[in-house]
Amino acid sequence: MAQVTIKKVEYSELDKCAELIRDSFNTVAKEFGLTYQNCPTNGAFIKTSRLVSDWNKGNLMFGLYYDAILVGFMELELTVSDVYTLEKLAVHPDFRHLGYGTALLSYAGQIAIENHISKISIGIIEENTRLKCWYHNHGFTHTRTVHFEHLPFKVGFMEQRI
């Protein structure tokens, strides 16, 4: 029987993490017509150097492993003294719909509690109603929508009180 674990990723795994994020976000990029030219900051185009930069800022990075294979990832950034921003939540397309995204989200909540964080926030593609509904079903509330000039979509912000 396969063992599923969540743990902090090692610096030496950042290449694998970037590859996983690209593979995961690529399905959404295709669905919403995102390209490197119109949305270079999307996870579908992430470079390891971005994760190195986030690592050096002190962001927390976690991997979900199916046996010893990295199949999920998330990053938590302390943006305000008591708020984590959840970044780059990703599950490889071959491992979706098995509860791994929910497991990562639950783990983020545990980390928040351990660190006395009161809220987790996230920004998503506003038009991605499937994802918005998924977060809503996991206790997130939509707080606002913003259109940033450099993005080809509106960003929906959601938060979960811990």
N, C-alpha and C. Protein backbone atom coordinates (compact mmCIF):
# COMPACT_ATOMS: atom_id res chain seq x y z
N MET A 1 0.84 -1.19 0.00
CA MET A 1 0.00 0.00 0.00
C MET A 1 0.89 1.25 0.00
N ALA A 2 0.53 2.21 -0.82
CA ALA A 2 1.32 3.44 -0.94
C ALA A 2 1.18 4.28 0.32
N GLN A 3 2.26 4.95 0.66
CA GLN A 3 2.26 5.85 1.80
C GLN A 3 2.29 7.30 1.29
N VAL A 4 1.40 8.12 1.84
CA VAL A 4 1.33 9.53 1.48
C VAL A 4 1.81 10.34 2.67
N THR A 5 2.80 11.21 2.43
CA THR A 5 3.33 12.07 3.50
C THR A 5 3.45 13.49 2.99
N ILE A 6 3.37 14.43 3.94
CA ILE A 6 3.60 15.83 3.64
C ILE A 6 4.74 16.29 4.53
N LYS A 7 5.72 16.94 3.93
CA LYS A 7 6.86 17.43 4.70
C LYS A 7 7.48 18.63 4.00
N LYS A 8 8.30 19.37 4.75
CA LYS A 8 9.02 20.48 4.14
C LYS A 8 9.91 19.94 3.03
N VAL A 9 9.96 20.68 1.93
CA VAL A 9 10.85 20.26 0.85
C VAL A 9 12.27 20.70 1.18
N GLU A 10 13.20 20.00 0.63
CA GLU A 10 14.61 20.34 0.78
C GLU A 10 15.02 21.28 -0.36
N TYR A 11 16.01 22.09 -0.10
CA TYR A 11 16.51 23.02 -1.12
C TYR A 11 16.88 22.25 -2.40
N SER A 12 17.45 21.07 -2.23
CA SER A 12 17.88 20.28 -3.39
C SER A 12 16.70 19.79 -4.24
N GLU A 13 15.47 19.92 -3.74
CA GLU A 13 14.28 19.47 -4.46
C GLU A 13 13.60 20.59 -5.26
N LEU A 14 14.13 21.80 -5.19
CA LEU A 14 13.42 22.92 -5.82
C LEU A 14 13.25 22.75 -7.32
N ASP A 15 14.19 22.11 -8.00
CA ASP A 15 14.02 21.83 -9.43
C ASP A 15 12.80 20.95 -9.66
N LYS A 16 12.67 19.89 -8.86
CA LYS A 16 11.53 18.98 -8.99
C LYS A 16 10.23 19.71 -8.65
N CYS A 17 10.28 20.58 -7.66
CA CYS A 17 9.09 21.35 -7.28
C CYS A 17 8.65 22.25 -8.42
N ALA A 18 9.60 22.94 -9.05
CA ALA A 18 9.26 23.82 -10.17
C ALA A 18 8.65 23.02 -11.32
N GLU A 19 9.20 21.85 -11.58
CA GLU A 19 8.65 21.00 -12.64
C GLU A 19 7.23 20.57 -12.31
N LEU A 20 7.00 20.19 -11.07
CA LEU A 20 5.65 19.79 -10.64
C LEU A 20 4.66 20.95 -10.78
N ILE A 21 5.07 22.14 -10.36
CA ILE A 21 4.21 23.32 -10.46
C ILE A 21 3.88 23.59 -11.93
N ARG A 22 4.88 23.54 -12.80
CA ARG A 22 4.63 23.76 -14.23
C ARG A 22 3.63 22.74 -14.77
N ASP A 23 3.85 21.46 -14.46
CA ASP A 23 2.95 20.41 -14.94
C ASP A 23 1.52 20.63 -14.45
N SER A 24 1.40 21.04 -13.20
CA SER A 24 0.09 21.23 -12.60
C SER A 24 -0.62 22.46 -13.17
N PHE A 25 0.09 23.58 -13.21
CA PHE A 25 -0.52 24.83 -13.66
C PHE A 25 -0.74 24.85 -15.17
N ASN A 26 -0.04 24.01 -15.90
CA ASN A 26 -0.17 23.99 -17.35
C ASN A 26 -1.59 23.67 -17.80
N THR A 27 -2.29 22.82 -17.07
CA THR A 27 -3.66 22.48 -17.46
C THR A 27 -4.57 23.70 -17.38
N VAL A 28 -4.37 24.52 -16.36
CA VAL A 28 -5.18 25.74 -16.20
C VAL A 28 -4.75 26.79 -17.23
N ALA A 29 -3.45 26.89 -17.47
CA ALA A 29 -2.97 27.84 -18.48
C ALA A 29 -3.61 27.54 -19.84
N LYS A 30 -3.67 26.27 -20.19
CA LYS A 30 -4.29 25.90 -21.47
C LYS A 30 -5.77 26.25 -21.46
N GLU A 31 -6.44 25.95 -20.36
CA GLU A 31 -7.88 26.21 -20.26
C GLU A 31 -8.21 27.69 -20.41
N PHE A 32 -7.35 28.56 -19.87
CA PHE A 32 -7.63 30.00 -19.87
C PHE A 32 -6.79 30.77 -20.89
N GLY A 33 -6.10 30.08 -21.77
CA GLY A 33 -5.34 30.73 -22.84
C GLY A 33 -4.14 31.52 -22.35
N LEU A 34 -3.53 31.07 -21.27
CA LEU A 34 -2.36 31.78 -20.73
C LEU A 34 -1.10 31.29 -21.42
N THR A 35 -0.25 32.24 -21.78
CA THR A 35 1.03 31.93 -22.41
C THR A 35 2.13 32.67 -21.65
N TYR A 36 3.35 32.33 -21.96
CA TYR A 36 4.46 33.05 -21.34
C TYR A 36 4.41 34.52 -21.74
N GLN A 37 3.95 34.80 -22.95
CA GLN A 37 3.90 36.17 -23.44
C GLN A 37 2.83 37.00 -22.71
N ASN A 38 1.66 36.42 -22.42
CA ASN A 38 0.61 37.22 -21.80
C ASN A 38 0.52 37.06 -20.28
N CYS A 39 1.27 36.09 -19.72
CA CYS A 39 1.20 35.87 -18.27
C CYS A 39 2.44 35.14 -17.77
N PRO A 40 3.61 35.76 -17.89
CA PRO A 40 4.86 35.07 -17.55
C PRO A 40 5.00 34.69 -16.08
N THR A 41 4.19 35.29 -15.20
CA THR A 41 4.30 34.97 -13.77
C THR A 41 3.44 33.78 -13.36
N ASN A 42 2.66 33.23 -14.29
CA ASN A 42 1.84 32.07 -13.96
C ASN A 42 2.72 30.87 -13.65
N GLY A 43 2.24 30.02 -12.76
CA GLY A 43 3.00 28.84 -12.36
C GLY A 43 3.36 27.91 -13.50
N ALA A 44 2.60 27.95 -14.59
CA ALA A 44 2.90 27.10 -15.75
C ALA A 44 4.27 27.43 -16.34
N PHE A 45 4.80 28.59 -16.00
CA PHE A 45 6.07 29.04 -16.59
C PHE A 45 7.14 29.29 -15.53
N ILE A 46 6.92 28.79 -14.32
CA ILE A 46 7.82 29.07 -13.21
C ILE A 46 9.20 28.47 -13.45
N LYS A 47 10.18 29.22 -13.04
CA LYS A 47 11.57 28.76 -13.10
C LYS A 47 12.04 28.46 -11.68
N THR A 48 12.99 27.58 -11.57
CA THR A 48 13.53 27.22 -10.25
C THR A 48 14.03 28.46 -9.52
N SER A 49 14.57 29.42 -10.26
CA SER A 49 15.11 30.63 -9.63
C SER A 49 14.04 31.37 -8.82
N ARG A 50 12.78 31.29 -9.25
CA ARG A 50 11.68 31.92 -8.48
C ARG A 50 11.51 31.23 -7.13
N LEU A 51 11.57 29.91 -7.13
CA LEU A 51 11.46 29.17 -5.87
C LEU A 51 12.67 29.43 -4.98
N VAL A 52 13.84 29.54 -5.58
CA VAL A 52 15.05 29.88 -4.80
C VAL A 52 14.86 31.24 -4.14
N SER A 53 14.35 32.19 -4.87
CA SER A 53 14.10 33.53 -4.32
C SER A 53 13.10 33.46 -3.16
N ASP A 54 12.01 32.71 -3.36
CA ASP A 54 11.01 32.55 -2.30
C ASP A 54 11.61 31.84 -1.08
N TRP A 55 12.42 30.84 -1.33
CA TRP A 55 13.11 30.11 -0.26
C TRP A 55 13.97 31.07 0.55
N ASN A 56 14.72 31.92 -0.17
CA ASN A 56 15.62 32.86 0.50
C ASN A 56 14.86 33.93 1.29
N LYS A 57 13.61 34.19 0.92
CA LYS A 57 12.77 35.13 1.68
C LYS A 57 12.23 34.48 2.96
N GLY A 58 12.39 33.16 3.06
CA GLY A 58 11.91 32.46 4.24
C GLY A 58 10.53 31.84 4.09
N ASN A 59 10.00 31.83 2.87
CA ASN A 59 8.70 31.19 2.66
C ASN A 59 8.78 29.71 2.99
N LEU A 60 7.70 29.18 3.52
CA LEU A 60 7.64 27.76 3.86
C LEU A 60 7.16 26.99 2.65
N MET A 61 7.83 25.89 2.34
CA MET A 61 7.48 25.07 1.18
C MET A 61 7.32 23.63 1.61
N PHE A 62 6.22 23.03 1.15
CA PHE A 62 5.90 21.67 1.54
C PHE A 62 5.59 20.84 0.31
N GLY A 63 6.00 19.58 0.38
CA GLY A 63 5.70 18.64 -0.68
C GLY A 63 4.81 17.53 -0.16
N LEU A 64 3.94 17.05 -1.03
CA LEU A 64 3.15 15.86 -0.74
C LEU A 64 3.76 14.74 -1.57
N TYR A 65 4.11 13.66 -0.90
CA TYR A 65 4.83 12.56 -1.53
C TYR A 65 3.96 11.31 -1.53
N TYR A 66 3.83 10.71 -2.68
CA TYR A 66 3.17 9.42 -2.84
C TYR A 66 4.30 8.41 -2.90
N ASP A 67 4.42 7.61 -1.84
CA ASP A 67 5.64 6.85 -1.59
C ASP A 67 6.77 7.89 -1.56
N ALA A 68 7.76 7.80 -2.39
CA ALA A 68 8.83 8.80 -2.35
C ALA A 68 8.73 9.78 -3.52
N ILE A 69 7.61 9.76 -4.23
CA ILE A 69 7.46 10.59 -5.43
C ILE A 69 6.73 11.88 -5.07
N LEU A 70 7.31 13.01 -5.43
CA LEU A 70 6.69 14.31 -5.20
C LEU A 70 5.51 14.47 -6.16
N VAL A 71 4.30 14.58 -5.61
CA VAL A 71 3.11 14.74 -6.46
C VAL A 71 2.30 15.97 -6.10
N GLY A 72 2.67 16.66 -5.00
CA GLY A 72 1.94 17.86 -4.59
C GLY A 72 2.88 18.86 -3.97
N PHE A 73 2.48 20.13 -3.98
CA PHE A 73 3.34 21.21 -3.48
C PHE A 73 2.46 22.36 -3.00
N MET A 74 2.96 23.07 -2.00
CA MET A 74 2.35 24.35 -1.61
C MET A 74 3.41 25.19 -0.93
N GLU A 75 3.17 26.49 -0.96
CA GLU A 75 4.08 27.46 -0.35
C GLU A 75 3.25 28.41 0.51
N LEU A 76 3.78 28.72 1.68
CA LEU A 76 3.13 29.68 2.58
C LEU A 76 4.06 30.86 2.78
N GLU A 77 3.53 32.05 2.52
CA GLU A 77 4.30 33.27 2.70
C GLU A 77 3.63 34.11 3.79
N LEU A 78 4.42 34.50 4.78
CA LEU A 78 3.91 35.37 5.84
C LEU A 78 3.86 36.78 5.28
N THR A 79 2.66 37.25 4.93
CA THR A 79 2.53 38.55 4.27
C THR A 79 2.22 39.67 5.26
N VAL A 80 1.54 39.35 6.31
CA VAL A 80 1.24 40.26 7.41
C VAL A 80 1.55 39.45 8.66
N SER A 81 1.69 40.09 9.80
CA SER A 81 2.15 39.38 10.99
C SER A 81 1.32 38.16 11.36
N ASP A 82 0.06 38.11 10.98
CA ASP A 82 -0.75 36.96 11.34
C ASP A 82 -1.54 36.39 10.15
N VAL A 83 -1.00 36.57 8.93
CA VAL A 83 -1.67 36.06 7.73
C VAL A 83 -0.66 35.33 6.85
N TYR A 84 -1.01 34.11 6.47
CA TYR A 84 -0.25 33.38 5.46
C TYR A 84 -0.94 33.56 4.12
N THR A 85 -0.17 33.81 3.07
CA THR A 85 -0.70 33.72 1.72
C THR A 85 -0.29 32.36 1.18
N LEU A 86 -1.28 31.61 0.76
CA LEU A 86 -1.04 30.30 0.17
C LEU A 86 -0.70 30.50 -1.29
N GLU A 87 0.46 30.00 -1.68
CA GLU A 87 0.95 30.17 -3.05
C GLU A 87 1.21 28.81 -3.69
N LYS A 88 1.01 28.74 -4.97
CA LYS A 88 1.46 27.61 -5.79
C LYS A 88 0.95 26.25 -5.30
N LEU A 89 -0.27 26.20 -4.78
CA LEU A 89 -0.84 24.90 -4.42
C LEU A 89 -0.99 24.10 -5.71
N ALA A 90 -0.33 22.96 -5.76
CA ALA A 90 -0.28 22.19 -7.00
C ALA A 90 -0.33 20.70 -6.71
N VAL A 91 -1.12 20.00 -7.51
CA VAL A 91 -1.14 18.54 -7.49
C VAL A 91 -0.97 18.09 -8.93
N HIS A 92 -0.03 17.18 -9.14
CA HIS A 92 0.22 16.70 -10.50
C HIS A 92 -1.08 16.16 -11.10
N PRO A 93 -1.35 16.47 -12.37
CA PRO A 93 -2.61 16.04 -13.00
C PRO A 93 -2.90 14.54 -12.86
N ASP A 94 -1.88 13.71 -12.86
CA ASP A 94 -2.09 12.26 -12.73
C ASP A 94 -2.52 11.85 -11.33
N PHE A 95 -2.45 12.75 -10.37
CA PHE A 95 -2.77 12.43 -8.98
C PHE A 95 -3.91 13.30 -8.44
N ARG A 96 -4.66 13.91 -9.31
CA ARG A 96 -5.79 14.74 -8.88
C ARG A 96 -7.01 13.89 -8.53
N HIS A 97 -7.90 14.51 -7.77
CA HIS A 97 -9.17 13.89 -7.37
C HIS A 97 -8.95 12.69 -6.46
N LEU A 98 -7.86 12.73 -5.70
CA LEU A 98 -7.57 11.68 -4.72
C LEU A 98 -7.51 12.25 -3.31
N GLY A 99 -7.84 13.54 -3.17
CA GLY A 99 -7.84 14.18 -1.85
C GLY A 99 -6.51 14.82 -1.47
N TYR A 100 -5.56 14.84 -2.38
CA TYR A 100 -4.24 15.38 -2.04
C TYR A 100 -4.25 16.90 -1.90
N GLY A 101 -5.02 17.59 -2.72
CA GLY A 101 -5.15 19.04 -2.57
C GLY A 101 -5.77 19.38 -1.23
N THR A 102 -6.79 18.63 -0.86
CA THR A 102 -7.44 18.82 0.44
C THR A 102 -6.47 18.55 1.57
N ALA A 103 -5.65 17.51 1.42
CA ALA A 103 -4.65 17.20 2.45
C ALA A 103 -3.65 18.34 2.60
N LEU A 104 -3.20 18.91 1.49
CA LEU A 104 -2.27 20.04 1.56
C LEU A 104 -2.93 21.24 2.22
N LEU A 105 -4.17 21.51 1.87
CA LEU A 105 -4.90 22.64 2.45
C LEU A 105 -5.08 22.45 3.96
N SER A 106 -5.41 21.25 4.36
CA SER A 106 -5.56 20.95 5.78
C SER A 106 -4.23 21.12 6.51
N TYR A 107 -3.16 20.69 5.88
CA TYR A 107 -1.82 20.83 6.46
C TYR A 107 -1.46 22.30 6.61
N ALA A 108 -1.84 23.11 5.64
CA ALA A 108 -1.59 24.56 5.74
C ALA A 108 -2.29 25.12 6.97
N GLY A 109 -3.50 24.66 7.22
CA GLY A 109 -4.23 25.09 8.41
C GLY A 109 -3.53 24.68 9.69
N GLN A 110 -2.99 23.47 9.70
CA GLN A 110 -2.24 23.00 10.89
C GLN A 110 -1.01 23.86 11.13
N ILE A 111 -0.28 24.16 10.06
CA ILE A 111 0.92 25.00 10.18
C ILE A 111 0.52 26.38 10.69
N ALA A 112 -0.58 26.90 10.19
CA ALA A 112 -1.06 28.22 10.64
C ALA A 112 -1.36 28.20 12.13
N ILE A 113 -2.05 27.18 12.59
CA ILE A 113 -2.38 27.07 14.01
C ILE A 113 -1.11 27.00 14.85
N GLU A 114 -0.16 26.17 14.42
CA GLU A 114 1.11 26.01 15.16
C GLU A 114 1.86 27.33 15.26
N ASN A 115 1.70 28.19 14.25
CA ASN A 115 2.44 29.45 14.21
C ASN A 115 1.59 30.66 14.59
N HIS A 116 0.42 30.40 15.18
CA HIS A 116 -0.47 31.45 15.68
C HIS A 116 -0.89 32.43 14.57
N ILE A 117 -1.18 31.86 13.41
CA ILE A 117 -1.64 32.63 12.26
C ILE A 117 -3.17 32.61 12.27
N SER A 118 -3.80 33.77 12.03
CA SER A 118 -5.26 33.84 12.14
C SER A 118 -5.99 33.66 10.81
N LYS A 119 -5.25 33.74 9.69
CA LYS A 119 -5.93 33.72 8.40
C LYS A 119 -5.00 33.20 7.32
N ILE A 120 -5.58 32.50 6.36
CA ILE A 120 -4.87 32.10 5.14
C ILE A 120 -5.59 32.77 3.99
N SER A 121 -4.84 33.44 3.13
CA SER A 121 -5.43 34.10 1.96
C SER A 121 -4.86 33.49 0.69
N ILE A 122 -5.60 33.67 -0.38
CA ILE A 122 -5.17 33.15 -1.68
C ILE A 122 -5.74 34.03 -2.78
N GLY A 123 -5.02 34.10 -3.88
CA GLY A 123 -5.50 34.76 -5.08
C GLY A 123 -5.61 33.73 -6.19
N ILE A 124 -6.75 33.73 -6.89
CA ILE A 124 -6.97 32.77 -7.98
C ILE A 124 -7.51 33.51 -9.21
N ILE A 125 -7.54 32.82 -10.32
CA ILE A 125 -8.18 33.37 -11.51
C ILE A 125 -9.67 33.46 -11.20
N GLU A 126 -10.19 34.66 -11.18
CA GLU A 126 -11.59 34.88 -10.81
C GLU A 126 -12.56 34.03 -11.64
N GLU A 127 -12.27 33.88 -12.91
CA GLU A 127 -13.17 33.14 -13.80
C GLU A 127 -13.08 31.62 -13.62
N ASN A 128 -12.15 31.17 -12.81
CA ASN A 128 -12.01 29.73 -12.57
C ASN A 128 -13.03 29.31 -11.50
N THR A 129 -14.26 29.19 -11.93
CA THR A 129 -15.35 28.92 -10.98
C THR A 129 -15.20 27.56 -10.29
N ARG A 130 -14.65 26.59 -10.98
CA ARG A 130 -14.43 25.27 -10.37
C ARG A 130 -13.49 25.38 -9.18
N LEU A 131 -12.39 26.11 -9.35
CA LEU A 131 -11.43 26.28 -8.26
C LEU A 131 -12.01 27.14 -7.14
N LYS A 132 -12.73 28.19 -7.53
CA LYS A 132 -13.35 29.05 -6.52
C LYS A 132 -14.32 28.25 -5.66
N CYS A 133 -15.09 27.39 -6.28
CA CYS A 133 -16.04 26.55 -5.56
C CYS A 133 -15.30 25.57 -4.65
N TRP A 134 -14.20 25.02 -5.13
CA TRP A 134 -13.41 24.08 -4.32
C TRP A 134 -12.92 24.77 -3.05
N TYR A 135 -12.36 25.97 -3.18
CA TYR A 135 -11.90 26.70 -1.99
C TYR A 135 -13.07 27.06 -1.08
N HIS A 136 -14.18 27.47 -1.67
CA HIS A 136 -15.36 27.80 -0.87
C HIS A 136 -15.80 26.58 -0.06
N ASN A 137 -15.79 25.41 -0.68
CA ASN A 137 -16.17 24.17 0.00
C ASN A 137 -15.19 23.79 1.11
N HIS A 138 -14.02 24.40 1.10
CA HIS A 138 -13.01 24.16 2.14
C HIS A 138 -12.91 25.33 3.12
N GLY A 139 -13.96 26.14 3.18
CA GLY A 139 -14.04 27.17 4.21
C GLY A 139 -13.50 28.54 3.84
N PHE A 140 -13.19 28.75 2.57
CA PHE A 140 -12.71 30.06 2.13
C PHE A 140 -13.87 30.95 1.72
N THR A 141 -13.72 32.23 1.96
CA THR A 141 -14.72 33.23 1.59
C THR A 141 -14.11 34.18 0.56
N HIS A 142 -14.86 34.47 -0.47
CA HIS A 142 -14.41 35.44 -1.49
C HIS A 142 -14.46 36.83 -0.87
N THR A 143 -13.36 37.58 -0.97
CA THR A 143 -13.30 38.90 -0.33
C THR A 143 -13.30 40.05 -1.33
N ARG A 144 -12.71 39.84 -2.50
CA ARG A 144 -12.69 40.93 -3.47
C ARG A 144 -12.15 40.42 -4.81
N THR A 145 -12.37 41.24 -5.83
CA THR A 145 -11.87 40.94 -7.17
C THR A 145 -11.08 42.16 -7.64
N VAL A 146 -9.91 41.91 -8.24
CA VAL A 146 -9.06 43.00 -8.71
C VAL A 146 -8.59 42.66 -10.13
N HIS A 147 -8.58 43.68 -10.98
CA HIS A 147 -7.98 43.50 -12.30
C HIS A 147 -6.64 44.22 -12.32
N PHE A 148 -5.58 43.44 -12.45
CA PHE A 148 -4.24 44.00 -12.55
C PHE A 148 -3.91 44.18 -14.03
N GLU A 149 -3.36 45.33 -14.37
CA GLU A 149 -3.07 45.66 -15.78
C GLU A 149 -2.20 44.62 -16.47
N HIS A 150 -1.26 44.02 -15.73
CA HIS A 150 -0.30 43.10 -16.35
C HIS A 150 -0.84 41.67 -16.50
N LEU A 151 -2.07 41.40 -16.04
CA LEU A 151 -2.63 40.05 -16.12
C LEU A 151 -3.82 40.01 -17.08
N PRO A 152 -3.97 38.91 -17.83
CA PRO A 152 -5.08 38.80 -18.78
C PRO A 152 -6.37 38.26 -18.15
N PHE A 153 -6.48 38.34 -16.85
CA PHE A 153 -7.66 37.87 -16.14
C PHE A 153 -7.81 38.68 -14.85
N LYS A 154 -8.97 38.58 -14.23
CA LYS A 154 -9.20 39.21 -12.93
C LYS A 154 -8.74 38.23 -11.85
N VAL A 155 -8.24 38.78 -10.75
CA VAL A 155 -7.80 37.97 -9.62
C VAL A 155 -8.88 38.02 -8.55
N GLY A 156 -9.33 36.85 -8.16
CA GLY A 156 -10.27 36.75 -7.04
C GLY A 156 -9.49 36.42 -5.78
N PHE A 157 -9.72 37.20 -4.75
CA PHE A 157 -9.06 36.95 -3.47
C PHE A 157 -10.03 36.26 -2.53
N MET A 158 -9.51 35.26 -1.86
CA MET A 158 -10.31 34.49 -0.90
C MET A 158 -9.51 34.34 0.37
N GLU A 159 -10.21 34.11 1.47
CA GLU A 159 -9.50 33.90 2.74
C GLU A 159 -10.25 32.92 3.62
N GLN A 160 -9.49 32.31 4.49
CA GLN A 160 -10.03 31.38 5.46
C GLN A 160 -9.53 31.80 6.83
N ARG A 161 -10.44 32.00 7.75
CA ARG A 161 -10.05 32.31 9.13
C ARG A 161 -9.70 31.02 9.83
N ILE A 162 -8.62 31.09 10.58
CA ILE A 162 -8.14 29.89 11.29
C ILE A 162 -8.59 29.94 12.75
